[in-house]
N, C-alpha and C. Protein backbone atom coordinates (compact mmCIF):
# COMPACT_ATOMS: atom_id res chain seq x y z
N GLY A 1 -51.05 14.34 -5.41
CA GLY A 1 -50.50 13.09 -5.83
C GLY A 1 -51.25 11.92 -5.20
N LEU A 2 -50.93 10.76 -5.72
CA LEU A 2 -51.62 9.56 -5.29
C LEU A 2 -50.64 8.40 -5.32
N GLY A 3 -50.45 7.72 -4.18
CA GLY A 3 -49.63 6.53 -4.15
C GLY A 3 -50.47 5.33 -4.53
N LEU A 4 -49.89 4.39 -5.27
CA LEU A 4 -50.61 3.21 -5.72
C LEU A 4 -49.76 1.97 -5.48
N THR A 5 -50.35 0.96 -4.86
CA THR A 5 -49.72 -0.35 -4.72
C THR A 5 -50.68 -1.37 -5.31
N LEU A 6 -50.17 -2.21 -6.19
CA LEU A 6 -51.00 -3.18 -6.90
C LEU A 6 -50.63 -4.60 -6.48
N TYR A 7 -51.65 -5.41 -6.22
CA TYR A 7 -51.46 -6.80 -5.80
C TYR A 7 -52.20 -7.71 -6.77
N GLN A 8 -51.65 -8.91 -6.97
CA GLN A 8 -52.31 -9.93 -7.76
C GLN A 8 -52.38 -11.20 -6.94
N ARG A 9 -53.50 -11.90 -7.03
CA ARG A 9 -53.67 -13.15 -6.29
C ARG A 9 -52.95 -14.27 -7.03
N ASN A 10 -52.12 -15.02 -6.31
CA ASN A 10 -51.40 -16.13 -6.92
C ASN A 10 -52.21 -17.42 -6.81
N GLU A 11 -51.62 -18.54 -7.25
CA GLU A 11 -52.32 -19.82 -7.26
C GLU A 11 -52.73 -20.29 -5.86
N ARG A 12 -51.99 -19.89 -4.84
CA ARG A 12 -52.31 -20.28 -3.46
C ARG A 12 -53.28 -19.32 -2.79
N GLY A 13 -53.75 -18.31 -3.52
CA GLY A 13 -54.71 -17.36 -2.97
C GLY A 13 -54.09 -16.20 -2.22
N GLU A 14 -52.76 -16.08 -2.29
CA GLU A 14 -52.06 -15.01 -1.59
C GLU A 14 -51.99 -13.76 -2.47
N ALA A 15 -52.09 -12.60 -1.84
CA ALA A 15 -51.95 -11.33 -2.56
C ALA A 15 -50.46 -10.99 -2.63
N ILE A 16 -49.93 -10.91 -3.85
CA ILE A 16 -48.53 -10.64 -4.09
C ILE A 16 -48.41 -9.28 -4.77
N ARG A 17 -47.53 -8.44 -4.26
CA ARG A 17 -47.32 -7.11 -4.86
C ARG A 17 -46.71 -7.26 -6.25
N VAL A 18 -47.26 -6.52 -7.22
CA VAL A 18 -46.77 -6.58 -8.60
C VAL A 18 -46.55 -5.17 -9.14
N ASN A 19 -45.79 -5.09 -10.20
CA ASN A 19 -45.51 -3.83 -10.89
C ASN A 19 -46.78 -3.35 -11.59
N PRO A 20 -47.19 -2.09 -11.41
CA PRO A 20 -48.39 -1.58 -12.08
C PRO A 20 -48.30 -1.62 -13.61
N ALA A 21 -47.10 -1.75 -14.17
CA ALA A 21 -46.94 -1.83 -15.63
C ALA A 21 -47.18 -3.24 -16.15
N LYS A 22 -47.40 -4.19 -15.26
CA LYS A 22 -47.62 -5.59 -15.65
C LYS A 22 -48.84 -5.70 -16.56
N THR A 23 -48.76 -6.60 -17.52
CA THR A 23 -49.90 -6.90 -18.37
C THR A 23 -50.72 -8.00 -17.72
N PHE A 24 -52.01 -7.76 -17.56
CA PHE A 24 -52.88 -8.74 -16.93
C PHE A 24 -53.72 -9.44 -18.00
N ARG A 25 -54.18 -10.62 -17.65
CA ARG A 25 -55.00 -11.42 -18.55
C ARG A 25 -56.42 -11.53 -17.98
N LYS A 26 -57.32 -11.94 -18.84
CA LYS A 26 -58.71 -12.12 -18.43
C LYS A 26 -58.75 -13.05 -17.21
N ASP A 27 -59.59 -12.72 -16.27
CA ASP A 27 -59.82 -13.48 -15.04
C ASP A 27 -58.71 -13.36 -14.00
N ASP A 28 -57.67 -12.54 -14.25
CA ASP A 28 -56.69 -12.27 -13.20
C ASP A 28 -57.40 -11.53 -12.08
N LEU A 29 -57.07 -11.87 -10.84
CA LEU A 29 -57.64 -11.19 -9.69
C LEU A 29 -56.63 -10.18 -9.17
N VAL A 30 -57.04 -8.93 -9.07
CA VAL A 30 -56.14 -7.87 -8.62
C VAL A 30 -56.79 -7.08 -7.49
N ARG A 31 -55.94 -6.45 -6.71
CA ARG A 31 -56.37 -5.55 -5.64
C ARG A 31 -55.40 -4.38 -5.67
N PHE A 32 -55.91 -3.21 -5.48
CA PHE A 32 -54.99 -2.08 -5.40
C PHE A 32 -55.28 -1.27 -4.16
N VAL A 33 -54.22 -0.66 -3.65
CA VAL A 33 -54.30 0.21 -2.48
C VAL A 33 -53.82 1.58 -2.93
N ILE A 34 -54.62 2.59 -2.65
CA ILE A 34 -54.21 3.96 -2.97
C ILE A 34 -54.03 4.74 -1.68
N GLU A 35 -53.16 5.73 -1.74
CA GLU A 35 -52.96 6.62 -0.59
C GLU A 35 -52.79 8.04 -1.13
N PRO A 36 -53.81 8.89 -0.95
CA PRO A 36 -53.73 10.26 -1.45
C PRO A 36 -52.89 11.14 -0.52
N ASN A 37 -52.33 12.21 -1.08
CA ASN A 37 -51.60 13.14 -0.23
C ASN A 37 -52.42 14.38 0.11
N ILE A 38 -53.68 14.43 -0.36
CA ILE A 38 -54.60 15.50 0.01
C ILE A 38 -55.99 14.90 0.22
N ASP A 39 -56.84 15.58 1.00
CA ASP A 39 -58.24 15.16 1.14
C ASP A 39 -58.94 15.39 -0.19
N GLY A 40 -59.94 14.58 -0.49
CA GLY A 40 -60.69 14.76 -1.73
C GLY A 40 -61.74 13.69 -1.91
N TYR A 41 -62.08 13.45 -3.17
CA TYR A 41 -63.08 12.45 -3.54
C TYR A 41 -62.49 11.55 -4.60
N LEU A 42 -62.74 10.26 -4.47
CA LEU A 42 -62.16 9.27 -5.37
C LEU A 42 -63.19 8.79 -6.38
N TYR A 43 -62.79 8.79 -7.64
CA TYR A 43 -63.58 8.22 -8.73
C TYR A 43 -62.68 7.26 -9.48
N ILE A 44 -63.18 6.06 -9.76
CA ILE A 44 -62.40 5.08 -10.51
C ILE A 44 -63.21 4.68 -11.73
N PHE A 45 -62.55 4.73 -12.88
CA PHE A 45 -63.17 4.37 -14.15
C PHE A 45 -62.45 3.18 -14.75
N TYR A 46 -63.21 2.33 -15.42
CA TYR A 46 -62.67 1.18 -16.14
C TYR A 46 -62.82 1.46 -17.63
N ARG A 47 -61.74 1.18 -18.36
CA ARG A 47 -61.79 1.37 -19.80
C ARG A 47 -61.00 0.25 -20.45
N GLU A 48 -61.57 -0.38 -21.45
CA GLU A 48 -60.89 -1.45 -22.17
C GLU A 48 -60.77 -1.04 -23.63
N ASN A 49 -59.55 -1.06 -24.11
CA ASN A 49 -59.25 -0.68 -25.49
C ASN A 49 -59.82 0.71 -25.79
N GLU A 50 -60.63 0.85 -26.80
CA GLU A 50 -61.14 2.16 -27.20
C GLU A 50 -62.57 2.40 -26.74
N THR A 51 -63.07 1.60 -25.80
CA THR A 51 -64.44 1.77 -25.32
C THR A 51 -64.57 3.01 -24.45
N GLU A 52 -65.80 3.43 -24.24
CA GLU A 52 -66.05 4.56 -23.35
C GLU A 52 -65.73 4.15 -21.91
N PRO A 53 -65.14 5.05 -21.12
CA PRO A 53 -64.88 4.72 -19.71
C PRO A 53 -66.19 4.47 -18.95
N MET A 54 -66.14 3.51 -18.02
CA MET A 54 -67.29 3.19 -17.19
C MET A 54 -66.89 3.42 -15.72
N MET A 55 -67.66 4.24 -15.01
CA MET A 55 -67.34 4.52 -13.62
C MET A 55 -67.67 3.29 -12.78
N ILE A 56 -66.67 2.77 -12.04
CA ILE A 56 -66.89 1.62 -11.18
C ILE A 56 -66.82 1.99 -9.70
N PHE A 57 -66.38 3.18 -9.39
CA PHE A 57 -66.37 3.68 -8.01
C PHE A 57 -66.54 5.18 -8.05
N PRO A 58 -67.43 5.76 -7.26
CA PRO A 58 -68.15 5.17 -6.14
C PRO A 58 -69.28 4.25 -6.61
N ASP A 59 -69.64 3.35 -5.71
CA ASP A 59 -70.71 2.39 -5.94
C ASP A 59 -71.58 2.39 -4.69
N PRO A 60 -72.89 2.50 -4.85
CA PRO A 60 -73.76 2.57 -3.66
C PRO A 60 -73.68 1.33 -2.78
N ARG A 61 -73.16 0.21 -3.30
CA ARG A 61 -73.03 -1.01 -2.50
C ARG A 61 -71.82 -0.95 -1.57
N LEU A 62 -70.92 0.00 -1.80
CA LEU A 62 -69.71 0.14 -0.99
C LEU A 62 -69.77 1.44 -0.21
N HIS A 63 -69.78 1.35 1.09
CA HIS A 63 -69.78 2.53 1.96
C HIS A 63 -70.91 3.49 1.63
N GLU A 64 -72.06 2.92 1.20
CA GLU A 64 -73.24 3.72 0.83
C GLU A 64 -72.92 4.76 -0.23
N GLY A 65 -71.95 4.47 -1.10
CA GLY A 65 -71.60 5.37 -2.19
C GLY A 65 -70.69 6.51 -1.79
N ASP A 66 -70.25 6.54 -0.54
CA ASP A 66 -69.37 7.61 -0.07
C ASP A 66 -67.98 7.45 -0.70
N ASN A 67 -67.50 8.49 -1.35
CA ASN A 67 -66.19 8.41 -1.99
C ASN A 67 -65.20 9.45 -1.46
N LYS A 68 -65.50 10.00 -0.28
CA LYS A 68 -64.59 10.98 0.33
C LYS A 68 -63.36 10.24 0.85
N ILE A 69 -62.19 10.78 0.56
CA ILE A 69 -60.94 10.18 1.03
C ILE A 69 -60.13 11.23 1.80
N THR A 70 -59.32 10.75 2.71
CA THR A 70 -58.53 11.60 3.60
C THR A 70 -57.05 11.41 3.29
N ALA A 71 -56.31 12.52 3.33
CA ALA A 71 -54.87 12.48 3.04
C ALA A 71 -54.15 11.48 3.93
N HIS A 72 -53.20 10.77 3.34
CA HIS A 72 -52.28 9.87 4.04
C HIS A 72 -52.97 8.68 4.72
N VAL A 73 -54.15 8.31 4.22
CA VAL A 73 -54.86 7.12 4.70
C VAL A 73 -54.95 6.15 3.53
N PRO A 74 -54.43 4.92 3.70
CA PRO A 74 -54.53 3.93 2.61
C PRO A 74 -55.96 3.41 2.45
N TYR A 75 -56.38 3.25 1.20
CA TYR A 75 -57.71 2.71 0.86
C TYR A 75 -57.53 1.54 -0.08
C-alpha cells in the first residue's frame, strides 16, 4: 500500500492539504507526499486525458535518478 497526502499552494504561498479527488486547473501548484508500507522503487507517470503516460519520476536531476524508497518514510 501507499499513503498519499496532497497539498495545493494558496494565494499566500502556503501549502494547504486538499482532497486527492479535487479537480485542479491549469497552473495550479501542487505537492504530494507519499509513504509506502514496503521497501521498493517509485515510478510516477503523468497522463492527461487519453494521451500516452509520460514518466516524470525518476528523473536524473533529482537524487541522481535514484528511485529506491523505504517503508514508512515520507517522500
